[in-house]
Amino acid sequence: MDAITKIYDEVIQADCECCGQKEDCTKDYIVIVKNNHAGSWVCGLCSGAIEEYLSKNPGKTMEEAVSSHNEVCQNFNITTRINPKLTLAWALKDIAKRSLKNRMVKNSTKLNIYRSSSCIPTLKN
């Protein structure tokens, strides 16, 4: 029973510096995560997102990746958590804007060919 109490005493609650999620971790694990993420403790979900960001942006540093993900989390907490319906409306508006922009780009690259005369012969009475 004494060993279980000792292990339990070593577990502390850590707050993710990006999303604010709380996780129960050992002090050793917290040190490892901080060393891997430029001195910031991040939860497993944020860690995965940061790693994905780095894989898509090979020239970026870990500090830039953590900072970028932190901004995403802060924007999510400010907008989506406060008013999810309004956020859905903004997302749909952004999708519509991108769709319109893509259609305009596609249409501008097409060649416009006009007829000089009708292909239907003139009807005589």
Protein backbone atom coordinates (compact mmCIF):
# COMPACT_ATOMS: atom_id res chain seq x y z
CA MET A 1 0.00 0.00 0.00
CA ASP A 2 2.91 2.33 0.70
CA ALA A 3 4.22 2.01 -2.90
CA ILE A 4 0.80 2.92 -4.32
CA THR A 5 0.61 6.03 -2.16
CA LYS A 6 4.11 7.04 -3.26
CA ILE A 7 3.20 6.69 -6.96
CA TYR A 8 -0.02 8.62 -6.44
CA ASP A 9 1.87 11.47 -4.74
CA GLU A 10 4.13 11.85 -7.79
CA VAL A 11 1.22 12.45 -10.17
CA ILE A 12 0.29 16.11 -10.58
CA GLN A 13 -2.23 17.90 -12.74
CA ALA A 14 -0.74 19.86 -15.64
CA ASP A 15 -2.56 22.48 -17.71
CA CYS A 16 -1.96 22.57 -21.46
CA GLU A 17 -0.49 25.94 -22.42
CA CYS A 18 -2.45 25.90 -25.70
CA CYS A 19 -5.98 24.66 -25.05
CA GLY A 20 -6.09 24.69 -21.24
CA GLN A 21 -6.93 20.97 -21.00
CA LYS A 22 -5.86 19.39 -17.71
CA GLU A 23 -4.04 16.05 -17.56
CA ASP A 24 -2.68 13.98 -14.71
CA CYS A 25 1.04 13.46 -15.32
CA THR A 26 4.23 12.62 -13.51
CA LYS A 27 6.88 15.30 -13.08
CA ASP A 28 9.27 13.34 -15.30
CA TYR A 29 6.72 13.20 -18.12
CA ILE A 30 6.09 16.94 -17.85
CA VAL A 31 9.83 17.62 -18.20
CA ILE A 32 10.04 15.39 -21.29
CA VAL A 33 7.06 17.12 -22.96
CA LYS A 34 8.46 20.57 -22.18
CA ASN A 35 11.84 19.61 -23.64
CA ASN A 36 10.17 18.35 -26.82
CA HIS A 37 7.93 21.41 -27.25
CA ALA A 38 10.22 24.40 -26.76
CA GLY A 39 9.59 24.71 -23.03
CA SER A 40 5.80 24.54 -23.25
CA TRP A 41 3.74 21.78 -21.69
CA VAL A 42 1.06 20.70 -24.15
CA CYS A 43 -1.53 17.95 -23.92
CA GLY A 44 -1.47 14.92 -26.20
CA LEU A 45 -4.04 16.34 -28.61
CA CYS A 46 -2.17 19.62 -29.04
CA SER A 47 1.12 17.74 -29.33
CA GLY A 48 -0.29 15.77 -32.26
CA ALA A 49 -1.54 18.95 -33.95
CA ILE A 50 1.86 20.61 -33.48
CA GLU A 51 3.65 17.60 -34.97
CA GLU A 52 1.28 17.65 -37.95
CA TYR A 53 1.92 21.39 -38.44
CA LEU A 54 5.67 20.72 -38.49
CA SER A 55 5.28 17.90 -41.01
CA LYS A 56 3.32 20.20 -43.35
CA ASN A 57 5.71 23.14 -42.83
CA PRO A 58 9.23 21.64 -42.85
CA GLY A 59 11.07 24.97 -42.48
CA LYS A 60 9.29 25.98 -39.27
CA THR A 61 10.77 25.65 -35.80
CA MET A 62 9.11 24.05 -32.80
CA GLU A 63 8.64 27.51 -31.23
CA GLU A 64 6.78 28.72 -34.33
CA ALA A 65 4.63 25.59 -34.41
CA VAL A 66 3.68 25.89 -30.72
CA SER A 67 2.93 29.60 -31.15
CA SER A 68 0.80 28.99 -34.24
CA HIS A 69 -1.19 26.24 -32.54
CA ASN A 70 -1.59 28.39 -29.43
CA GLU A 71 -3.19 31.12 -31.59
CA VAL A 72 -5.59 28.57 -33.11
CA CYS A 73 -6.61 27.38 -29.66
CA GLN A 74 -7.07 30.92 -28.36
CA ASN A 75 -9.26 31.86 -31.35
CA PHE A 76 -11.30 28.71 -30.83
CA ASN A 77 -11.80 29.47 -27.14
CA ILE A 78 -12.77 33.09 -27.85
CA THR A 79 -15.24 32.40 -30.67
CA THR A 80 -16.48 28.82 -30.90
CA ARG A 81 -16.89 28.06 -27.22
CA ILE A 82 -18.72 31.33 -26.61
CA ASN A 83 -21.11 31.17 -29.58
CA PRO A 84 -20.99 27.97 -31.66
CA LYS A 85 -23.94 28.98 -33.89
CA LEU A 86 -22.27 32.23 -34.90
CA THR A 87 -19.03 30.37 -35.56
CA LEU A 88 -20.89 27.96 -37.84
CA ALA A 89 -22.31 30.91 -39.76
CA TRP A 90 -18.81 32.41 -40.16
CA ALA A 91 -17.46 29.07 -41.34
CA LEU A 92 -20.21 28.74 -43.93
CA LYS A 93 -19.57 32.30 -45.08
CA ASP A 94 -15.86 31.52 -45.49
CA ILE A 95 -16.67 28.37 -47.46
CA ALA A 96 -18.97 30.36 -49.76
CA LYS A 97 -16.27 33.02 -50.28
CA ARG A 98 -13.63 30.42 -51.15
CA SER A 99 -16.03 28.65 -53.50
CA LEU A 100 -16.84 31.91 -55.29
CA LYS A 101 -13.17 32.81 -55.52
CA ASN A 102 -12.31 29.37 -56.96
CA ARG A 103 -15.10 29.65 -59.55
CA MET A 104 -13.91 33.13 -60.56
CA VAL A 105 -10.35 31.89 -61.00
CA LYS A 106 -11.51 28.90 -63.08
CA ASN A 107 -13.74 31.09 -65.26
CA SER A 108 -11.01 33.65 -65.89
CA THR A 109 -8.72 30.97 -67.34
CA LYS A 110 -11.31 29.70 -69.85
CA LEU A 111 -11.15 30.95 -73.42
CA ASN A 112 -14.25 32.82 -74.46
CA ILE A 113 -15.26 31.82 -77.98
CA TYR A 114 -18.07 33.76 -79.59
CA ARG A 115 -20.01 32.93 -82.75
CA SER A 116 -19.99 35.44 -85.55
CA SER A 117 -23.09 33.96 -87.14
CA SER A 118 -25.82 31.54 -86.21
CA CYS A 119 -25.46 27.91 -87.00
CA ILE A 120 -29.22 27.68 -87.67
CA PRO A 121 -30.10 28.64 -91.25
CA THR A 122 -32.46 31.54 -91.68
CA LEU A 123 -36.07 30.43 -92.15
CA LYS A 124 -37.75 31.63 -95.34
CA ASN A 125 -41.48 32.25 -95.54
